Amino acid sequence: AGVDDVPLVYTEHFSGLSLDGADRR
């Protein structure tokens, strides 16, 4: 969205992530 003027903190929770990857999206 181009919201570049505010610092962004990103927390990941998703159990579908693995060292082998996830779906393309």
mmCIF file of all heavy atoms, coordinates in Angstrom:
data_MODEL
# 
_entry.id   MODEL 
# 
loop_
_atom_site.group_PDB 
_atom_site.id 
_atom_site.type_symbol 
_atom_site.label_atom_id 
_atom_site.label_alt_id 
_atom_site.label_comp_id 
_atom_site.label_asym_id 
_atom_site.label_entity_id 
_atom_site.label_seq_id 
_atom_site.pdbx_PDB_ins_code 
_atom_site.Cartn_x 
_atom_site.Cartn_y 
_atom_site.Cartn_z 
_atom_site.occupancy 
_atom_site.B_iso_or_equiv 
_atom_site.pdbx_formal_charge 
_atom_site.auth_seq_id 
_atom_site.auth_comp_id 
_atom_site.auth_asym_id 
_atom_site.auth_atom_id 
_atom_site.pdbx_PDB_model_num 
ATOM 1   N N   . ALA A 1 1  ? 0.816  -1.218  0.000  1.00 0.00 ? 1  ALA A N   1 
ATOM 2   C CA  . ALA A 1 1  ? 0.000  0.000   0.000  1.00 0.00 ? 1  ALA A CA  1 
ATOM 3   C C   . ALA A 1 1  ? 0.848  1.266   0.000  1.00 0.00 ? 1  ALA A C   1 
ATOM 4   O O   . ALA A 1 1  ? 0.306  2.372   -0.092 1.00 0.00 ? 1  ALA A O   1 
ATOM 5   C CB  . ALA A 1 1  ? -0.942 -0.009  1.198  1.00 0.00 ? 1  ALA A CB  1 
ATOM 6   N N   . GLY A 1 2  ? 2.146  1.116   0.121  1.00 0.00 ? 2  GLY A N   1 
ATOM 7   C CA  . GLY A 1 2  ? 3.032  2.275   0.093  1.00 0.00 ? 2  GLY A CA  1 
ATOM 8   C C   . GLY A 1 2  ? 3.030  3.092   1.367  1.00 0.00 ? 2  GLY A C   1 
ATOM 9   O O   . GLY A 1 2  ? 3.363  4.288   1.339  1.00 0.00 ? 2  GLY A O   1 
ATOM 10  N N   . VAL A 1 3  ? 2.669  2.467   2.487  1.00 0.00 ? 3  VAL A N   1 
ATOM 11  C CA  . VAL A 1 3  ? 2.718  3.164   3.780  1.00 0.00 ? 3  VAL A CA  1 
ATOM 12  C C   . VAL A 1 3  ? 4.152  3.054   4.291  1.00 0.00 ? 3  VAL A C   1 
ATOM 13  O O   . VAL A 1 3  ? 4.495  2.153   5.058  1.00 0.00 ? 3  VAL A O   1 
ATOM 14  C CB  . VAL A 1 3  ? 1.714  2.557   4.781  1.00 0.00 ? 3  VAL A CB  1 
ATOM 15  C CG1 . VAL A 1 3  ? 1.732  3.347   6.087  1.00 0.00 ? 3  VAL A CG1 1 
ATOM 16  C CG2 . VAL A 1 3  ? 0.309  2.524   4.196  1.00 0.00 ? 3  VAL A CG2 1 
ATOM 17  N N   . ASP A 1 4  ? 4.986  3.971   3.835  1.00 0.00 ? 4  ASP A N   1 
ATOM 18  C CA  . ASP A 1 4  ? 6.421  3.886   4.102  1.00 0.00 ? 4  ASP A CA  1 
ATOM 19  C C   . ASP A 1 4  ? 6.911  4.863   5.150  1.00 0.00 ? 4  ASP A C   1 
ATOM 20  O O   . ASP A 1 4  ? 8.090  4.835   5.522  1.00 0.00 ? 4  ASP A O   1 
ATOM 21  C CB  . ASP A 1 4  ? 7.197  4.142   2.798  1.00 0.00 ? 4  ASP A CB  1 
ATOM 22  C CG  . ASP A 1 4  ? 6.873  3.122   1.717  1.00 0.00 ? 4  ASP A CG  1 
ATOM 23  O OD1 . ASP A 1 4  ? 6.681  1.940   2.073  1.00 0.00 ? 4  ASP A OD1 1 
ATOM 24  O OD2 . ASP A 1 4  ? 6.804  3.515   0.529  1.00 0.00 ? 4  ASP A OD2 1 
ATOM 25  N N   . ASP A 1 5  ? 6.011  5.745   5.633  1.00 0.00 ? 5  ASP A N   1 
ATOM 26  C CA  . ASP A 1 5  ? 6.451  6.795   6.545  1.00 0.00 ? 5  ASP A CA  1 
ATOM 27  C C   . ASP A 1 5  ? 6.220  6.443   8.009  1.00 0.00 ? 5  ASP A C   1 
ATOM 28  O O   . ASP A 1 5  ? 6.441  7.286   8.891  1.00 0.00 ? 5  ASP A O   1 
ATOM 29  C CB  . ASP A 1 5  ? 5.741  8.109   6.212  1.00 0.00 ? 5  ASP A CB  1 
ATOM 30  C CG  . ASP A 1 5  ? 4.219  7.984   6.264  1.00 0.00 ? 5  ASP A CG  1 
ATOM 31  O OD1 . ASP A 1 5  ? 3.713  6.836   6.221  1.00 0.00 ? 5  ASP A OD1 1 
ATOM 32  O OD2 . ASP A 1 5  ? 3.541  9.026   6.346  1.00 0.00 ? 5  ASP A OD2 1 
ATOM 33  N N   . VAL A 1 6  ? 5.768  5.221   8.283  1.00 0.00 ? 6  VAL A N   1 
ATOM 34  C CA  . VAL A 1 6  ? 5.530  4.787   9.658  1.00 0.00 ? 6  VAL A CA  1 
ATOM 35  C C   . VAL A 1 6  ? 6.322  3.507   9.905  1.00 0.00 ? 6  VAL A C   1 
ATOM 36  O O   . VAL A 1 6  ? 6.260  2.576   9.093  1.00 0.00 ? 6  VAL A O   1 
ATOM 37  C CB  . VAL A 1 6  ? 4.028  4.514   9.906  1.00 0.00 ? 6  VAL A CB  1 
ATOM 38  C CG1 . VAL A 1 6  ? 3.790  4.104   11.360 1.00 0.00 ? 6  VAL A CG1 1 
ATOM 39  C CG2 . VAL A 1 6  ? 3.182  5.728   9.547  1.00 0.00 ? 6  VAL A CG2 1 
ATOM 40  N N   . PRO A 1 7  ? 7.075  3.414   11.004 1.00 0.00 ? 7  PRO A N   1 
ATOM 41  C CA  . PRO A 1 7  ? 7.795  2.161   11.309 1.00 0.00 ? 7  PRO A CA  1 
ATOM 42  C C   . PRO A 1 7  ? 6.836  0.984   11.395 1.00 0.00 ? 7  PRO A C   1 
ATOM 43  O O   . PRO A 1 7  ? 5.716  1.114   11.908 1.00 0.00 ? 7  PRO A O   1 
ATOM 44  C CB  . PRO A 1 7  ? 8.452  2.452   12.658 1.00 0.00 ? 7  PRO A CB  1 
ATOM 45  C CG  . PRO A 1 7  ? 8.553  3.938   12.732 1.00 0.00 ? 7  PRO A CG  1 
ATOM 46  C CD  . PRO A 1 7  ? 7.351  4.457   12.004 1.00 0.00 ? 7  PRO A CD  1 
ATOM 47  N N   . LEU A 1 8  ? 7.284  -0.171  10.870 1.00 0.00 ? 8  LEU A N   1 
ATOM 48  C CA  . LEU A 1 8  ? 6.449  -1.376  10.837 1.00 0.00 ? 8  LEU A CA  1 
ATOM 49  C C   . LEU A 1 8  ? 7.092  -2.480  11.657 1.00 0.00 ? 8  LEU A C   1 
ATOM 50  O O   . LEU A 1 8  ? 8.247  -2.855  11.414 1.00 0.00 ? 8  LEU A O   1 
ATOM 51  C CB  . LEU A 1 8  ? 6.259  -1.858  9.398  1.00 0.00 ? 8  LEU A CB  1 
ATOM 52  C CG  . LEU A 1 8  ? 5.515  -3.192  9.216  1.00 0.00 ? 8  LEU A CG  1 
ATOM 53  C CD1 . LEU A 1 8  ? 4.063  -3.077  9.685  1.00 0.00 ? 8  LEU A CD1 1 
ATOM 54  C CD2 . LEU A 1 8  ? 5.579  -3.655  7.762  1.00 0.00 ? 8  LEU A CD2 1 
ATOM 55  N N   . VAL A 1 9  ? 6.338  -3.004  12.621 1.00 0.00 ? 9  VAL A N   1 
ATOM 56  C CA  . VAL A 1 9  ? 6.717  -4.203  13.369 1.00 0.00 ? 9  VAL A CA  1 
ATOM 57  C C   . VAL A 1 9  ? 5.816  -5.334  12.872 1.00 0.00 ? 9  VAL A C   1 
ATOM 58  O O   . VAL A 1 9  ? 4.601  -5.167  12.782 1.00 0.00 ? 9  VAL A O   1 
ATOM 59  C CB  . VAL A 1 9  ? 6.546  -3.993  14.884 1.00 0.00 ? 9  VAL A CB  1 
ATOM 60  C CG1 . VAL A 1 9  ? 6.821  -5.300  15.642 1.00 0.00 ? 9  VAL A CG1 1 
ATOM 61  C CG2 . VAL A 1 9  ? 7.475  -2.886  15.378 1.00 0.00 ? 9  VAL A CG2 1 
ATOM 62  N N   . TYR A 1 10 ? 6.423  -6.449  12.552 1.00 0.00 ? 10 TYR A N   1 
ATOM 63  C CA  . TYR A 1 10 ? 5.699  -7.590  11.967 1.00 0.00 ? 10 TYR A CA  1 
ATOM 64  C C   . TYR A 1 10 ? 5.877  -8.805  12.868 1.00 0.00 ? 10 TYR A C   1 
ATOM 65  O O   . TYR A 1 10 ? 6.994  -9.238  13.120 1.00 0.00 ? 10 TYR A O   1 
ATOM 66  C CB  . TYR A 1 10 ? 6.231  -7.836  10.554 1.00 0.00 ? 10 TYR A CB  1 
ATOM 67  C CG  . TYR A 1 10 ? 6.084  -9.221  9.964  1.00 0.00 ? 10 TYR A CG  1 
ATOM 68  C CD1 . TYR A 1 10 ? 4.911  -9.971  10.106 1.00 0.00 ? 10 TYR A CD1 1 
ATOM 69  C CD2 . TYR A 1 10 ? 7.123  -9.769  9.218  1.00 0.00 ? 10 TYR A CD2 1 
ATOM 70  C CE1 . TYR A 1 10 ? 4.800  -11.233 9.545  1.00 0.00 ? 10 TYR A CE1 1 
ATOM 71  C CE2 . TYR A 1 10 ? 7.020  -11.029 8.639  1.00 0.00 ? 10 TYR A CE2 1 
ATOM 72  C CZ  . TYR A 1 10 ? 5.859  -11.763 8.811  1.00 0.00 ? 10 TYR A CZ  1 
ATOM 73  O OH  . TYR A 1 10 ? 5.745  -13.005 8.250  1.00 0.00 ? 10 TYR A OH  1 
ATOM 74  N N   . THR A 1 11 ? 4.754  -9.345  13.367 1.00 0.00 ? 11 THR A N   1 
ATOM 75  C CA  . THR A 1 11 ? 4.771  -10.564 14.176 1.00 0.00 ? 11 THR A CA  1 
ATOM 76  C C   . THR A 1 11 ? 4.191  -11.717 13.373 1.00 0.00 ? 11 THR A C   1 
ATOM 77  O O   . THR A 1 11 ? 3.095  -11.615 12.824 1.00 0.00 ? 11 THR A O   1 
ATOM 78  C CB  . THR A 1 11 ? 3.955  -10.398 15.468 1.00 0.00 ? 11 THR A CB  1 
ATOM 79  O OG1 . THR A 1 11 ? 4.635  -9.497  16.345 1.00 0.00 ? 11 THR A OG1 1 
ATOM 80  C CG2 . THR A 1 11 ? 3.810  -11.739 16.192 1.00 0.00 ? 11 THR A CG2 1 
ATOM 81  N N   . GLU A 1 12 ? 4.933  -12.829 13.321 1.00 0.00 ? 12 GLU A N   1 
ATOM 82  C CA  . GLU A 1 12 ? 4.442  -14.021 12.631 1.00 0.00 ? 12 GLU A CA  1 
ATOM 83  C C   . GLU A 1 12 ? 4.003  -15.069 13.655 1.00 0.00 ? 12 GLU A C   1 
ATOM 84  O O   . GLU A 1 12 ? 4.685  -15.306 14.644 1.00 0.00 ? 12 GLU A O   1 
ATOM 85  C CB  . GLU A 1 12 ? 5.518  -14.603 11.716 1.00 0.00 ? 12 GLU A CB  1 
ATOM 86  C CG  . GLU A 1 12 ? 5.007  -15.710 10.803 1.00 0.00 ? 12 GLU A CG  1 
ATOM 87  C CD  . GLU A 1 12 ? 3.774  -15.285 10.010 1.00 0.00 ? 12 GLU A CD  1 
ATOM 88  O OE1 . GLU A 1 12 ? 3.933  -14.565 9.002  1.00 0.00 ? 12 GLU A OE1 1 
ATOM 89  O OE2 . GLU A 1 12 ? 2.643  -15.667 10.417 1.00 0.00 ? 12 GLU A OE2 1 
ATOM 90  N N   . HIS A 1 13 ? 2.849  -15.672 13.360 1.00 0.00 ? 13 HIS A N   1 
ATOM 91  C CA  . HIS A 1 13 ? 2.262  -16.724 14.193 1.00 0.00 ? 13 HIS A CA  1 
ATOM 92  C C   . HIS A 1 13 ? 2.014  -18.011 13.419 1.00 0.00 ? 13 HIS A C   1 
ATOM 93  O O   . HIS A 1 13 ? 1.755  -19.045 14.030 1.00 0.00 ? 13 HIS A O   1 
ATOM 94  C CB  . HIS A 1 13 ? 0.875  -16.305 14.723 1.00 0.00 ? 13 HIS A CB  1 
ATOM 95  C CG  . HIS A 1 13 ? 0.786  -14.997 15.410 1.00 0.00 ? 13 HIS A CG  1 
ATOM 96  N ND1 . HIS A 1 13 ? 0.525  -14.877 16.762 1.00 0.00 ? 13 HIS A ND1 1 
ATOM 97  C CD2 . HIS A 1 13 ? 0.866  -13.719 14.949 1.00 0.00 ? 13 HIS A CD2 1 
ATOM 98  C CE1 . HIS A 1 13 ? 0.455  -13.599 17.095 1.00 0.00 ? 13 HIS A CE1 1 
ATOM 99  N NE2 . HIS A 1 13 ? 0.654  -12.880 16.005 1.00 0.00 ? 13 HIS A NE2 1 
ATOM 100 N N   . PHE A 1 14 ? 2.032  -17.967 12.097 1.00 0.00 ? 14 PHE A N   1 
ATOM 101 C CA  . PHE A 1 14 ? 1.387  -18.968 11.247 1.00 0.00 ? 14 PHE A CA  1 
ATOM 102 C C   . PHE A 1 14 ? 2.014  -20.352 11.381 1.00 0.00 ? 14 PHE A C   1 
ATOM 103 O O   . PHE A 1 14 ? 3.209  -20.534 11.163 1.00 0.00 ? 14 PHE A O   1 
ATOM 104 C CB  . PHE A 1 14 ? 1.442  -18.505 9.795  1.00 0.00 ? 14 PHE A CB  1 
ATOM 105 C CG  . PHE A 1 14 ? 0.721  -19.392 8.820  1.00 0.00 ? 14 PHE A CG  1 
ATOM 106 C CD1 . PHE A 1 14 ? -0.513 -19.955 9.138  1.00 0.00 ? 14 PHE A CD1 1 
ATOM 107 C CD2 . PHE A 1 14 ? 1.268  -19.663 7.583  1.00 0.00 ? 14 PHE A CD2 1 
ATOM 108 C CE1 . PHE A 1 14 ? -1.182 -20.759 8.231  1.00 0.00 ? 14 PHE A CE1 1 
ATOM 109 C CE2 . PHE A 1 14 ? 0.612  -20.463 6.662  1.00 0.00 ? 14 PHE A CE2 1 
ATOM 110 C CZ  . PHE A 1 14 ? -0.617 -21.017 6.994  1.00 0.00 ? 14 PHE A CZ  1 
ATOM 111 N N   . SER A 1 15 ? 1.169  -21.331 11.710 1.00 0.00 ? 15 SER A N   1 
ATOM 112 C CA  . SER A 1 15 ? 1.650  -22.699 11.890 1.00 0.00 ? 15 SER A CA  1 
ATOM 113 C C   . SER A 1 15 ? 1.916  -23.402 10.563 1.00 0.00 ? 15 SER A C   1 
ATOM 114 O O   . SER A 1 15 ? 2.473  -24.499 10.547 1.00 0.00 ? 15 SER A O   1 
ATOM 115 C CB  . SER A 1 15 ? 0.633  -23.518 12.700 1.00 0.00 ? 15 SER A CB  1 
ATOM 116 O OG  . SER A 1 15 ? -0.626 -23.528 12.053 1.00 0.00 ? 15 SER A OG  1 
ATOM 117 N N   . GLY A 1 16 ? 1.527  -22.781 9.443  1.00 0.00 ? 16 GLY A N   1 
ATOM 118 C CA  . GLY A 1 16 ? 1.757  -23.388 8.137  1.00 0.00 ? 16 GLY A CA  1 
ATOM 119 C C   . GLY A 1 16 ? 3.138  -23.137 7.577  1.00 0.00 ? 16 GLY A C   1 
ATOM 120 O O   . GLY A 1 16 ? 3.471  -23.632 6.496  1.00 0.00 ? 16 GLY A O   1 
ATOM 121 N N   . LEU A 1 17 ? 3.972  -22.374 8.282  1.00 0.00 ? 17 LEU A N   1 
ATOM 122 C CA  . LEU A 1 17 ? 5.331  -22.128 7.823  1.00 0.00 ? 17 LEU A CA  1 
ATOM 123 C C   . LEU A 1 17 ? 6.244  -23.272 8.243  1.00 0.00 ? 17 LEU A C   1 
ATOM 124 O O   . LEU A 1 17 ? 6.119  -23.821 9.332  1.00 0.00 ? 17 LEU A O   1 
ATOM 125 C CB  . LEU A 1 17 ? 5.874  -20.817 8.404  1.00 0.00 ? 17 LEU A CB  1 
ATOM 126 C CG  . LEU A 1 17 ? 5.170  -19.533 7.980  1.00 0.00 ? 17 LEU A CG  1 
ATOM 127 C CD1 . LEU A 1 17 ? 5.843  -18.337 8.643  1.00 0.00 ? 17 LEU A CD1 1 
ATOM 128 C CD2 . LEU A 1 17 ? 5.176  -19.368 6.469  1.00 0.00 ? 17 LEU A CD2 1 
ATOM 129 N N   . SER A 1 18 ? 7.188  -23.615 7.361  1.00 0.00 ? 18 SER A N   1 
ATOM 130 C CA  . SER A 1 18 ? 8.175  -24.635 7.684  1.00 0.00 ? 18 SER A CA  1 
ATOM 131 C C   . SER A 1 18 ? 9.430  -24.343 6.881  1.00 0.00 ? 18 SER A C   1 
ATOM 132 O O   . SER A 1 18 ? 9.435  -23.473 5.994  1.00 0.00 ? 18 SER A O   1 
ATOM 133 C CB  . SER A 1 18 ? 7.659  -26.043 7.352  1.00 0.00 ? 18 SER A CB  1 
ATOM 134 O OG  . SER A 1 18 ? 7.656  -26.238 5.944  1.00 0.00 ? 18 SER A OG  1 
ATOM 135 N N   . LEU A 1 19 ? 10.497 -25.063 7.171  1.00 0.00 ? 19 LEU A N   1 
ATOM 136 C CA  . LEU A 1 19 ? 11.737 -24.880 6.416  1.00 0.00 ? 19 LEU A CA  1 
ATOM 137 C C   . LEU A 1 19 ? 11.559 -25.272 4.956  1.00 0.00 ? 19 LEU A C   1 
ATOM 138 O O   . LEU A 1 19 ? 12.360 -24.861 4.095  1.00 0.00 ? 19 LEU A O   1 
ATOM 139 C CB  . LEU A 1 19 ? 12.867 -25.694 7.055  1.00 0.00 ? 19 LEU A CB  1 
ATOM 140 C CG  . LEU A 1 19 ? 13.352 -25.191 8.417  1.00 0.00 ? 19 LEU A CG  1 
ATOM 141 C CD1 . LEU A 1 19 ? 14.356 -26.161 9.015  1.00 0.00 ? 19 LEU A CD1 1 
ATOM 142 C CD2 . LEU A 1 19 ? 13.973 -23.801 8.284  1.00 0.00 ? 19 LEU A CD2 1 
ATOM 143 N N   . ASP A 1 20 ? 10.518 -26.053 4.657  1.00 0.00 ? 20 ASP A N   1 
ATOM 144 C CA  . ASP A 1 20 ? 10.234 -26.434 3.273  1.00 0.00 ? 20 ASP A CA  1 
ATOM 145 C C   . ASP A 1 20 ? 9.363  -25.421 2.558  1.00 0.00 ? 20 ASP A C   1 
ATOM 146 O O   . ASP A 1 20 ? 9.080  -25.573 1.366  1.00 0.00 ? 20 ASP A O   1 
ATOM 147 C CB  . ASP A 1 20 ? 9.542  -27.802 3.239  1.00 0.00 ? 20 ASP A CB  1 
ATOM 148 C CG  . ASP A 1 20 ? 10.433 -28.915 3.779  1.00 0.00 ? 20 ASP A CG  1 
ATOM 149 O OD1 . ASP A 1 20 ? 11.653 -28.848 3.556  1.00 0.00 ? 20 ASP A OD1 1 
ATOM 150 O OD2 . ASP A 1 20 ? 9.904  -29.832 4.430  1.00 0.00 ? 20 ASP A OD2 1 
ATOM 151 N N   . GLY A 1 21 ? 8.915  -24.395 3.272  1.00 0.00 ? 21 GLY A N   1 
ATOM 152 C CA  . GLY A 1 21 ? 8.113  -23.359 2.648  1.00 0.00 ? 21 GLY A CA  1 
ATOM 153 C C   . GLY A 1 21 ? 6.641  -23.496 2.937  1.00 0.00 ? 21 GLY A C   1 
ATOM 154 O O   . GLY A 1 21 ? 6.198  -24.303 3.757  1.00 0.00 ? 21 GLY A O   1 
ATOM 155 N N   . ALA A 1 22 ? 5.845  -22.682 2.231  1.00 0.00 ? 22 ALA A N   1 
ATOM 156 C CA  . ALA A 1 22 ? 4.395  -22.655 2.410  1.00 0.00 ? 22 ALA A CA  1 
ATOM 157 C C   . ALA A 1 22 ? 3.763  -22.462 1.032  1.00 0.00 ? 22 ALA A C   1 
ATOM 158 O O   . ALA A 1 22 ? 4.441  -22.564 0.009  1.00 0.00 ? 22 ALA A O   1 
ATOM 159 C CB  . ALA A 1 22 ? 4.006  -21.526 3.360  1.00 0.00 ? 22 ALA A CB  1 
ATOM 160 N N   . ASP A 1 23 ? 2.468  -22.195 0.994  1.00 0.00 ? 23 ASP A N   1 
ATOM 161 C CA  . ASP A 1 23 ? 1.807  -21.934 -0.285 1.00 0.00 ? 23 ASP A CA  1 
ATOM 162 C C   . ASP A 1 23 ? 2.359  -20.644 -0.901 1.00 0.00 ? 23 ASP A C   1 
ATOM 163 O O   . ASP A 1 23 ? 2.957  -19.813 -0.219 1.00 0.00 ? 23 ASP A O   1 
ATOM 164 C CB  . ASP A 1 23 ? 0.296  -21.825 -0.076 1.00 0.00 ? 23 ASP A CB  1 
ATOM 165 C CG  . ASP A 1 23 ? -0.069 -20.673 0.845  1.00 0.00 ? 23 ASP A CG  1 
ATOM 166 O OD1 . ASP A 1 23 ? -0.063 -20.870 2.078  1.00 0.00 ? 23 ASP A OD1 1 
ATOM 167 O OD2 . ASP A 1 23 ? -0.336 -19.566 0.337  1.00 0.00 ? 23 ASP A OD2 1 
ATOM 168 N N   . ARG A 1 24 ? 2.136  -20.460 -2.209 1.00 0.00 ? 24 ARG A N   1 
ATOM 169 C CA  . ARG A 1 24 ? 2.777  -19.351 -2.928 1.00 0.00 ? 24 ARG A CA  1 
ATOM 170 C C   . ARG A 1 24 ? 2.367  -17.994 -2.373 1.00 0.00 ? 24 ARG A C   1 
ATOM 171 O O   . ARG A 1 24 ? 3.208  -17.108 -2.219 1.00 0.00 ? 24 ARG A O   1 
ATOM 172 C CB  . ARG A 1 24 ? 2.440  -19.424 -4.421 1.00 0.00 ? 24 ARG A CB  1 
ATOM 173 C CG  . ARG A 1 24 ? 3.107  -18.316 -5.254 1.00 0.00 ? 24 ARG A CG  1 
ATOM 174 C CD  . ARG A 1 24 ? 3.113  -18.658 -6.727 1.00 0.00 ? 24 ARG A CD  1 
ATOM 175 N NE  . ARG A 1 24 ? 1.798  -18.643 -7.320 1.00 0.00 ? 24 ARG A NE  1 
ATOM 176 C CZ  . ARG A 1 24 ? 1.240  -17.558 -7.888 1.00 0.00 ? 24 ARG A CZ  1 
ATOM 177 N NH1 . ARG A 1 24 ? 1.897  -16.407 -7.901 1.00 0.00 ? 24 ARG A NH1 1 
ATOM 178 N NH2 . ARG A 1 24 ? 0.037  -17.631 -8.420 1.00 0.00 ? 24 ARG A NH2 1 
ATOM 179 N N   . ARG A 1 25 ? 1.089  -17.820 -2.069 1.00 0.00 ? 25 ARG A N   1 
ATOM 180 C CA  . ARG A 1 25 ? 0.646  -16.532 -1.527 1.00 0.00 ? 25 ARG A CA  1 
ATOM 181 C C   . ARG A 1 25 ? 1.373  -16.195 -0.240 1.00 0.00 ? 25 ARG A C   1 
ATOM 182 O O   . ARG A 1 25 ? 1.887  -15.082 -0.062 1.00 0.00 ? 25 ARG A O   1 
ATOM 183 C CB  . ARG A 1 25 ? -0.876 -16.578 -1.308 1.00 0.00 ? 25 ARG A CB  1 
ATOM 184 C CG  . ARG A 1 25 ? -1.526 -15.219 -1.055 1.00 0.00 ? 25 ARG A CG  1 
ATOM 185 C CD  . ARG A 1 25 ? -1.522 -14.793 0.391  1.00 0.00 ? 25 ARG A CD  1 
ATOM 186 N NE  . ARG A 1 25 ? -2.177 -15.733 1.253  1.00 0.00 ? 25 ARG A NE  1 
ATOM 187 C CZ  . ARG A 1 25 ? -2.070 -15.718 2.578  1.00 0.00 ? 25 ARG A CZ  1 
ATOM 188 N NH1 . ARG A 1 25 ? -1.288 -14.842 3.196  1.00 0.00 ? 25 ARG A NH1 1 
ATOM 189 N NH2 . ARG A 1 25 ? -2.701 -16.621 3.312  1.00 0.00 ? 25 ARG A NH2 1 
# 
